[in-house]
């Protein structure tokens, strides 16, 4: 089923809790009555989860690169020793 832009906006508002409480209740009623809508909400949640996981992986990758640069490059040797001394105390 193709999701319309209006339906997508409603799903977004529902998931982000940006909708008014009355609209939230109305949307939850639509979820009960429309199985396709419930399916669309599931896949939107799943998409958010995948995007979040990807962002975390990207951040970890960047942290590893910074760590490798700071702790292996000769020009950062003084910094490396200061950090190691800090954690020995």
PDB file of N, CA and C in Angstrom:
ATOM      1  N   UNK A   1       0.827  -1.172   0.000  1.00  0.00           N
ATOM      2  CA  UNK A   1       0.000   0.000   0.000  1.00  0.00           C
ATOM      3  C   UNK A   1       0.877   1.243   0.000  1.00  0.00           C
ATOM      4  N   UNK A   2       0.525   2.204  -0.810  1.00  0.00           N
ATOM      5  CA  UNK A   2       1.249   3.458  -0.870  1.00  0.00           C
ATOM      6  C   UNK A   2       0.722   4.385   0.215  1.00  0.00           C
ATOM      7  N   UNK A   3       1.626   4.947   0.980  1.00  0.00           N
ATOM      8  CA  UNK A   3       1.247   5.848   2.057  1.00  0.00           C
ATOM      9  C   UNK A   3       1.153   7.266   1.509  1.00  0.00           C
ATOM     10  N   UNK A   4       0.054   7.954   1.777  1.00  0.00           N
ATOM     11  CA  UNK A   4      -0.112   9.330   1.312  1.00  0.00           C
ATOM     12  C   UNK A   4       0.694  10.273   2.203  1.00  0.00           C
ATOM     13  N   UNK A   5       0.950  11.463   1.666  1.00  0.00           N
ATOM     14  CA  UNK A   5       1.695  12.460   2.442  1.00  0.00           C
ATOM     15  C   UNK A   5       0.921  12.855   3.700  1.00  0.00           C
ATOM     16  N   UNK A   6      -0.378  12.962   3.590  1.00  0.00           N
ATOM     17  CA  UNK A   6      -1.183  13.324   4.763  1.00  0.00           C
ATOM     18  C   UNK A   6      -1.108  12.242   5.830  1.00  0.00           C
ATOM     19  N   UNK A   7      -1.195  11.007   5.383  1.00  0.00           N
ATOM     20  CA  UNK A   7      -1.101   9.900   6.332  1.00  0.00           C
ATOM     21  C   UNK A   7       0.284   9.864   6.976  1.00  0.00           C
ATOM     22  N   UNK A   8       1.297  10.103   6.188  1.00  0.00           N
ATOM     23  CA  UNK A   8       2.659  10.125   6.712  1.00  0.00           C
ATOM     24  C   UNK A   8       2.823  11.236   7.752  1.00  0.00           C
ATOM     25  N   UNK A   9       2.243  12.387   7.480  1.00  0.00           N
ATOM     26  CA  UNK A   9       2.301  13.495   8.430  1.00  0.00           C
ATOM     27  C   UNK A   9       1.598  13.121   9.736  1.00  0.00           C
ATOM     28  N   UNK A  10       0.454  12.458   9.630  1.00  0.00           N
ATOM     29  CA  UNK A  10      -0.266  12.018  10.829  1.00  0.00           C
ATOM     30  C   UNK A  10       0.553  11.006  11.623  1.00  0.00           C
ATOM     31  N   UNK A  11       1.197  10.091  10.912  1.00  0.00           N
ATOM     32  CA  UNK A  11       2.044   9.096  11.585  1.00  0.00           C
ATOM     33  C   UNK A  11       3.209   9.782  12.285  1.00  0.00           C
ATOM     34  N   UNK A  12       3.833  10.723  11.600  1.00  0.00           N
ATOM     35  CA  UNK A  12       4.948  11.471  12.183  1.00  0.00           C
ATOM     36  C   UNK A  12       4.508  12.194  13.452  1.00  0.00           C
ATOM     37  N   UNK A  13       3.382  12.876  13.372  1.00  0.00           N
ATOM     38  CA  UNK A  13       2.873  13.598  14.545  1.00  0.00           C
ATOM     39  C   UNK A  13       2.567  12.637  15.687  1.00  0.00           C
ATOM     40  N   UNK A  14       2.004  11.495  15.352  1.00  0.00           N
ATOM     41  CA  UNK A  14       1.662  10.502  16.373  1.00  0.00           C
ATOM     42  C   UNK A  14       2.918   9.957  17.051  1.00  0.00           C
ATOM     43  N   UNK A  15       3.903   9.590  16.248  1.00  0.00           N
ATOM     44  CA  UNK A  15       5.122   9.003  16.812  1.00  0.00           C
ATOM     45  C   UNK A  15       5.958  10.015  17.594  1.00  0.00           C
ATOM     46  N   UNK A  16       5.918  11.254  17.171  1.00  0.00           N
ATOM     47  CA  UNK A  16       6.718  12.271  17.860  1.00  0.00           C
ATOM     48  C   UNK A  16       5.936  12.952  18.984  1.00  0.00           C
ATOM     49  N   UNK A  17       4.695  12.558  19.166  1.00  0.00           N
ATOM     50  CA  UNK A  17       3.807  13.135  20.185  1.00  0.00           C
ATOM     51  C   UNK A  17       3.607  14.630  19.961  1.00  0.00           C
ATOM     52  N   UNK A  18       3.667  15.054  18.693  1.00  0.00           N
ATOM     53  CA  UNK A  18       3.465  16.469  18.359  1.00  0.00           C
ATOM     54  C   UNK A  18       1.991  16.804  18.195  1.00  0.00           C
ATOM     55  N   UNK A  19       1.168  15.793  18.069  1.00  0.00           N
ATOM     56  CA  UNK A  19      -0.268  16.025  17.872  1.00  0.00           C
ATOM     57  C   UNK A  19      -0.938  16.367  19.194  1.00  0.00           C
ATOM     58  N   UNK A  20      -2.066  17.027  19.081  1.00  0.00           N
ATOM     59  CA  UNK A  20      -2.875  17.337  20.259  1.00  0.00           C
ATOM     60  C   UNK A  20      -3.383  16.025  20.861  1.00  0.00           C
ATOM     61  N   UNK A  21      -3.654  15.991  22.167  1.00  0.00           N
ATOM     62  CA  UNK A  21      -4.153  14.763  22.791  1.00  0.00           C
ATOM     63  C   UNK A  21      -5.405  14.195  22.117  1.00  0.00           C
ATOM     64  N   UNK A  22      -6.297  15.060  21.701  1.00  0.00           N
ATOM     65  CA  UNK A  22      -7.518  14.587  21.028  1.00  0.00           C
ATOM     66  C   UNK A  22      -7.172  13.929  19.693  1.00  0.00           C
ATOM     67  N   UNK A  23      -6.206  14.510  18.986  1.00  0.00           N
ATOM     68  CA  UNK A  23      -5.779  13.926  17.718  1.00  0.00           C
ATOM     69  C   UNK A  23      -5.065  12.588  17.934  1.00  0.00           C
ATOM     70  N   UNK A  24      -4.326  12.480  19.038  1.00  0.00           N
ATOM     71  CA  UNK A  24      -3.657  11.221  19.376  1.00  0.00           C
ATOM     72  C   UNK A  24      -4.694  10.115  19.574  1.00  0.00           C
ATOM     73  N   UNK A  25      -5.744  10.433  20.318  1.00  0.00           N
ATOM     74  CA  UNK A  25      -6.802   9.446  20.584  1.00  0.00           C
ATOM     75  C   UNK A  25      -7.502   9.060  19.287  1.00  0.00           C
ATOM     76  N   UNK A  26      -7.772  10.040  18.463  1.00  0.00           N
ATOM     77  CA  UNK A  26      -8.417   9.776  17.173  1.00  0.00           C
ATOM     78  C   UNK A  26      -7.534   8.884  16.299  1.00  0.00           C
ATOM     79  N   UNK A  27      -6.241   9.162  16.305  1.00  0.00           N
ATOM     80  CA  UNK A  27      -5.320   8.353  15.514  1.00  0.00           C
ATOM     81  C   UNK A  27      -5.258   6.921  16.041  1.00  0.00           C
ATOM     82  N   UNK A  28      -5.253   6.758  17.366  1.00  0.00           N
ATOM     83  CA  UNK A  28      -5.244   5.416  17.951  1.00  0.00           C
ATOM     84  C   UNK A  28      -6.504   4.646  17.577  1.00  0.00           C
ATOM     85  N   UNK A  29      -7.625   5.332  17.482  1.00  0.00           N
ATOM     86  CA  UNK A  29      -8.860   4.686  17.034  1.00  0.00           C
ATOM     87  C   UNK A  29      -8.724   4.246  15.573  1.00  0.00           C
ATOM     88  N   UNK A  30      -8.121   5.097  14.752  1.00  0.00           N
ATOM     89  CA  UNK A  30      -7.889   4.728  13.352  1.00  0.00           C
ATOM     90  C   UNK A  30      -6.961   3.517  13.253  1.00  0.00           C
ATOM     91  N   UNK A  31      -5.987   3.419  14.171  1.00  0.00           N
ATOM     92  CA  UNK A  31      -5.086   2.261  14.180  1.00  0.00           C
ATOM     93  C   UNK A  31      -5.865   0.963  14.394  1.00  0.00           C
ATOM     94  N   UNK A  32      -6.866   1.031  15.253  1.00  0.00           N
ATOM     95  CA  UNK A  32      -7.678  -0.156  15.537  1.00  0.00           C
ATOM     96  C   UNK A  32      -8.527  -0.526  14.317  1.00  0.00           C
ATOM     97  N   UNK A  33      -9.057   0.476  13.656  1.00  0.00           N
ATOM     98  CA  UNK A  33      -9.977   0.235  12.539  1.00  0.00           C
ATOM     99  C   UNK A  33      -9.281  -0.038  11.202  1.00  0.00           C
ATOM    100  N   UNK A  34      -8.047   0.417  11.054  1.00  0.00           N
ATOM    101  CA  UNK A  34      -7.348   0.289   9.770  1.00  0.00           C
ATOM    102  C   UNK A  34      -6.040  -0.487   9.941  1.00  0.00           C
ATOM    103  N   UNK A  35      -6.053  -1.782   9.646  1.00  0.00           N
ATOM    104  CA  UNK A  35      -4.834  -2.599   9.796  1.00  0.00           C
ATOM    105  C   UNK A  35      -3.669  -2.094   8.941  1.00  0.00           C
ATOM    106  N   UNK A  36      -3.968  -1.530   7.767  1.00  0.00           N
ATOM    107  CA  UNK A  36      -2.894  -1.009   6.918  1.00  0.00           C
ATOM    108  C   UNK A  36      -2.186   0.168   7.578  1.00  0.00           C
ATOM    109  N   UNK A  37      -2.928   0.975   8.283  1.00  0.00           N
ATOM    110  CA  UNK A  37      -2.336   2.111   8.988  1.00  0.00           C
ATOM    111  C   UNK A  37      -1.416   1.613  10.095  1.00  0.00           C
ATOM    112  N   UNK A  38      -1.873   0.589  10.793  1.00  0.00           N
ATOM    113  CA  UNK A  38      -1.048   0.002  11.854  1.00  0.00           C
ATOM    114  C   UNK A  38       0.255  -0.532  11.265  1.00  0.00           C
ATOM    115  N   UNK A  39       0.171  -1.137  10.103  1.00  0.00           N
ATOM    116  CA  UNK A  39       1.352  -1.645   9.411  1.00  0.00           C
ATOM    117  C   UNK A  39       2.290  -0.495   9.018  1.00  0.00           C
ATOM    118  N   UNK A  40       1.725   0.590   8.535  1.00  0.00           N
ATOM    119  CA  UNK A  40       2.527   1.758   8.157  1.00  0.00           C
ATOM    120  C   UNK A  40       3.252   2.342   9.366  1.00  0.00           C
ATOM    121  N   UNK A  41       2.564   2.400  10.508  1.00  0.00           N
ATOM    122  CA  UNK A  41       3.183   2.911  11.737  1.00  0.00           C
ATOM    123  C   UNK A  41       4.332   1.993  12.155  1.00  0.00           C
ATOM    124  N   UNK A  42       4.118   0.689  12.067  1.00  0.00           N
ATOM    125  CA  UNK A  42       5.174  -0.263  12.413  1.00  0.00           C
ATOM    126  C   UNK A  42       6.422  -0.007  11.560  1.00  0.00           C
ATOM    127  N   UNK A  43       6.231   0.124  10.254  1.00  0.00           N
ATOM    128  CA  UNK A  43       7.381   0.305   9.370  1.00  0.00           C
ATOM    129  C   UNK A  43       8.041   1.668   9.560  1.00  0.00           C
ATOM    130  N   UNK A  44       7.279   2.662   9.935  1.00  0.00           N
ATOM    131  CA  UNK A  44       7.877   3.973  10.211  1.00  0.00           C
ATOM    132  C   UNK A  44       8.733   3.896  11.472  1.00  0.00           C
ATOM    133  N   UNK A  45       8.229   3.209  12.499  1.00  0.00           N
ATOM    134  CA  UNK A  45       9.020   3.011  13.720  1.00  0.00           C
ATOM    135  C   UNK A  45      10.295   2.240  13.411  1.00  0.00           C
ATOM    136  N   UNK A  46      10.159   1.218  12.588  1.00  0.00           N
ATOM    137  CA  UNK A  46      11.314   0.389  12.208  1.00  0.00           C
ATOM    138  C   UNK A  46      12.345   1.239  11.455  1.00  0.00           C
ATOM    139  N   UNK A  47      11.877   2.113  10.587  1.00  0.00           N
ATOM    140  CA  UNK A  47      12.770   3.003   9.848  1.00  0.00           C
ATOM    141  C   UNK A  47      13.515   3.926  10.802  1.00  0.00           C
ATOM    142  N   UNK A  48      12.812   4.509  11.762  1.00  0.00           N
ATOM    143  CA  UNK A  48      13.464   5.360  12.754  1.00  0.00           C
ATOM    144  C   UNK A  48      14.540   4.594  13.510  1.00  0.00           C
ATOM    145  N   UNK A  49      14.244   3.370  13.870  1.00  0.00           N
ATOM    146  CA  UNK A  49      15.201   2.546  14.597  1.00  0.00           C
ATOM    147  C   UNK A  49      16.456   2.305  13.769  1.00  0.00           C
ATOM    148  N   UNK A  50      16.280   1.982  12.503  1.00  0.00           N
ATOM    149  CA  UNK A  50      17.431   1.745  11.628  1.00  0.00           C
ATOM    150  C   UNK A  50      18.264   3.008  11.433  1.00  0.00           C
ATOM    151  N   UNK A  51      17.598   4.144  11.289  1.00  0.00           N
ATOM    152  CA  UNK A  51      18.316   5.407  11.139  1.00  0.00           C
ATOM    153  C   UNK A  51      19.115   5.721  12.399  1.00  0.00           C
ATOM    154  N   UNK A  52      18.526   5.469  13.550  1.00  0.00           N
ATOM    155  CA  UNK A  52      19.209   5.712  14.815  1.00  0.00           C
ATOM    156  C   UNK A  52      20.429   4.792  14.954  1.00  0.00           C
ATOM    157  N   UNK A  53      20.269   3.525  14.609  1.00  0.00           N
ATOM    158  CA  UNK A  53      21.395   2.597  14.670  1.00  0.00           C
ATOM    159  C   UNK A  53      22.514   3.018  13.727  1.00  0.00           C
ATOM    160  N   UNK A  54      22.150   3.453  12.534  1.00  0.00           N
ATOM    161  CA  UNK A  54      23.141   3.905  11.570  1.00  0.00           C
ATOM    162  C   UNK A  54      23.894   5.123  12.111  1.00  0.00           C
ATOM    163  N   UNK A  55      23.170   6.054  12.698  1.00  0.00           N
ATOM    164  CA  UNK A  55      23.806   7.238  13.278  1.00  0.00           C
ATOM    165  C   UNK A  55      24.780   6.869  14.384  1.00  0.00           C
ATOM    166  N   UNK A  56      24.402   5.917  15.209  1.00  0.00           N
ATOM    167  CA  UNK A  56      25.298   5.461  16.285  1.00  0.00           C
ATOM    168  C   UNK A  56      26.549   4.805  15.719  1.00  0.00           C
ATOM    169  N   UNK A  57      26.391   4.005  14.677  1.00  0.00           N
ATOM    170  CA  UNK A  57      27.546   3.365  14.050  1.00  0.00           C
ATOM    171  C   UNK A  57      28.486   4.412  13.452  1.00  0.00           C
ATOM    172  N   UNK A  58      27.906   5.437  12.825  1.00  0.00           N
ATOM    173  CA  UNK A  58      28.716   6.505  12.248  1.00  0.00           C
ATOM    174  C   UNK A  58      29.492   7.234  13.346  1.00  0.00           C
ATOM    175  N   UNK A  59      28.832   7.522  14.464  1.00  0.00           N
ATOM    176  CA  UNK A  59      29.481   8.206  15.571  1.00  0.00           C
ATOM    177  C   UNK A  59      30.605   7.355  16.142  1.00  0.00           C
ATOM    178  N   UNK A  60      30.355   6.068  16.327  1.00  0.00           N
ATOM    179  CA  UNK A  60      31.407   5.172  16.821  1.00  0.00           C
ATOM    180  C   UNK A  60      32.601   5.163  15.880  1.00  0.00           C
ATOM    181  N   UNK A  61      32.324   5.123  14.588  1.00  0.00           N
ATOM    182  CA  UNK A  61      33.384   5.123  13.594  1.00  0.00           C
ATOM    183  C   UNK A  61      34.230   6.397  13.698  1.00  0.00           C
ATOM    184  N   UNK A  62      33.580   7.529  13.844  1.00  0.00           N
ATOM    185  CA  UNK A  62      34.304   8.794  13.980  1.00  0.00           C
ATOM    186  C   UNK A  62      35.132   8.824  15.258  1.00  0.00           C
ATOM    187  N   UNK A  63      34.592   8.303  16.350  1.00  0.00           N
ATOM    188  CA  UNK A  63      35.319   8.258  17.620  1.00  0.00           C
ATOM    189  C   UNK A  63      36.556   7.382  17.492  1.00  0.00           C
ATOM    190  N   UNK A  64      36.426   6.252  16.819  1.00  0.00           N
ATOM    191  CA  UNK A  64      37.570   5.359  16.623  1.00  0.00           C
ATOM    192  C   UNK A  64      38.650   6.060  15.802  1.00  0.00           C
ATOM    193  N   UNK A  65      38.254   6.793  14.767  1.00  0.00           N
ATOM    194  CA  UNK A  65      39.235   7.514  13.942  1.00  0.00           C
ATOM    195  C   UNK A  65      39.978   8.561  14.767  1.00  0.00           C
ATOM    196  N   UNK A  66      39.249   9.299  15.591  1.00  0.00           N
ATOM    197  CA  UNK A  66      39.881  10.316  16.442  1.00  0.00           C
ATOM    198  C   UNK A  66      40.817   9.641  17.431  1.00  0.00           C
ATOM    199  N   UNK A  67      40.376   8.561  18.025  1.00  0.00           N
ATOM    200  CA  UNK A  67      41.212   7.820  18.976  1.00  0.00           C
ATOM    201  C   UNK A  67      42.501   7.347  18.313  1.00  0.00           C
ATOM    202  N   UNK A  68      42.379   6.768  17.133  1.00  0.00           N
ATOM    203  CA  UNK A  68      43.561   6.289  16.427  1.00  0.00           C
ATOM    204  C   UNK A  68      44.510   7.435  16.103  1.00  0.00           C
ATOM    205  N   UNK A  69      43.963   8.555  15.696  1.00  0.00           N
ATOM    206  CA  UNK A  69      44.813   9.705  15.371  1.00  0.00           C
ATOM    207  C   UNK A  69      45.535  10.226  16.600  1.00  0.00           C
ATOM    208  N   UNK A  70      44.814  10.378  17.699  1.00  0.00           N
ATOM    209  CA  UNK A  70      45.415  10.947  18.899  1.00  0.00           C
ATOM    210  C   UNK A  70      46.389  10.005  19.603  1.00  0.00           C
ATOM    211  N   UNK A  71      46.155   8.728  19.503  1.00  0.00           N
ATOM    212  CA  UNK A  71      46.986   7.796  20.257  1.00  0.00           C
ATOM    213  C   UNK A  71      48.016   7.052  19.413  1.00  0.00           C
ATOM    214  N   UNK A  72      48.093   7.331  18.133  1.00  0.00           N
ATOM    215  CA  UNK A  72      49.118   6.684  17.317  1.00  0.00           C
ATOM    216  C   UNK A  72      50.020   7.674  16.591  1.00  0.00           C
ATOM    217  N   UNK A  73      49.552   8.866  16.322  1.00  0.00           N
ATOM    218  CA  UNK A  73      50.354   9.849  15.588  1.00  0.00           C
ATOM    219  C   UNK A  73      51.458  10.403  16.489  1.00  0.00           C
ATOM    220  N   UNK A  74      52.683  10.467  15.984  1.00  0.00           N
ATOM    221  CA  UNK A  74      53.805  10.952  16.792  1.00  0.00           C
ATOM    222  C   UNK A  74      53.628  12.401  17.270  1.00  0.00           C
ATOM    223  N   UNK A  75      52.973  13.235  16.486  1.00  0.00           N
ATOM    224  CA  UNK A  75      52.810  14.636  16.884  1.00  0.00           C
ATOM    225  C   UNK A  75      51.877  14.811  18.079  1.00  0.00           C
ATOM    226  N   UNK A  76      51.150  13.770  18.444  1.00  0.00           N
ATOM    227  CA  UNK A  76      50.233  13.836  19.588  1.00  0.00           C
ATOM    228  C   UNK A  76      50.771  13.062  20.798  1.00  0.00           C
ATOM    229  N   UNK A  77      52.056  12.795  20.798  1.00  0.00           N
ATOM    230  CA  UNK A  77      52.651  11.997  21.878  1.00  0.00           C
ATOM    231  C   UNK A  77      52.515  12.693  23.229  1.00  0.00           C
ATOM    232  N   UNK A  78      52.738  13.995  23.306  1.00  0.00           N
ATOM    233  CA  UNK A  78      52.607  14.734  24.559  1.00  0.00           C
ATOM    234  C   UNK A  78      51.170  14.655  25.082  1.00  0.00           C
ATOM    235  N   UNK A  79      50.216  14.841  24.201  1.00  0.00           N
ATOM    236  CA  UNK A  79      48.811  14.738  24.590  1.00  0.00           C
ATOM    237  C   UNK A  79      48.500  13.343  25.122  1.00  0.00           C
ATOM    238  N   UNK A  80      48.987  12.327  24.423  1.00  0.00           N
ATOM    239  CA  UNK A  80      48.753  10.934  24.832  1.00  0.00           C
ATOM    240  C   UNK A  80      49.281  10.701  26.238  1.00  0.00           C
ATOM    241  N   UNK A  81      50.485  11.194  26.540  1.00  0.00           N
ATOM    242  CA  UNK A  81      51.072  11.003  27.875  1.00  0.00           C
ATOM    243  C   UNK A  81      50.269  11.746  28.948  1.00  0.00           C
ATOM    244  N   UNK A  82      49.783  12.944  28.630  1.00  0.00           N
ATOM    245  CA  UNK A  82      48.973  13.691  29.593  1.00  0.00           C
ATOM    246  C   UNK A  82      47.684  12.937  29.922  1.00  0.00           C
ATOM    247  N   UNK A  83      47.056  12.407  28.911  1.00  0.00           N
ATOM    248  CA  UNK A  83      45.807  11.661  29.120  1.00  0.00           C
ATOM    249  C   UNK A  83      46.069  10.401  29.939  1.00  0.00           C
ATOM    250  N   UNK A  84      47.102   9.674  29.597  1.00  0.00           N
ATOM    251  CA  UNK A  84      47.410   8.447  30.340  1.00  0.00           C
ATOM    252  C   UNK A  84      47.768   8.747  31.791  1.00  0.00           C
ATOM    253  N   UNK A  85      48.483   9.844  32.052  1.00  0.00           N
ATOM    254  CA  UNK A  85      48.793  10.222  33.425  1.00  0.00           C
ATOM    255  C   UNK A  85      47.517  10.583  34.190  1.00  0.00           C
ATOM    256  N   UNK A  86      46.608  11.241  33.518  1.00  0.00           N
ATOM    257  CA  UNK A  86      45.350  11.637  34.143  1.00  0.00           C
ATOM    258  C   UNK A  86      44.581  10.418  34.649  1.00  0.00           C
ATOM    259  N   UNK A  87      44.604   9.331  33.884  1.00  0.00           N
ATOM    260  CA  UNK A  87      43.844   8.142  34.277  1.00  0.00           C
ATOM    261  C   UNK A  87      44.605   7.226  35.225  1.00  0.00           C
ATOM    262  N   UNK A  88      45.889   7.454  35.417  1.00  0.00           N
ATOM    263  CA  UNK A  88      46.658   6.650  36.384  1.00  0.00           C
ATOM    264  C   UNK A  88      46.417   7.091  37.809  1.00  0.00           C
ATOM    265  N   UNK A  89      45.995   8.329  37.992  1.00  0.00           N
ATOM    266  CA  UNK A  89      45.835   8.878  39.348  1.00  0.00           C
ATOM    267  C   UNK A  89      44.681   8.270  40.068  1.00  0.00           C
TER     268      UNK A  89
END
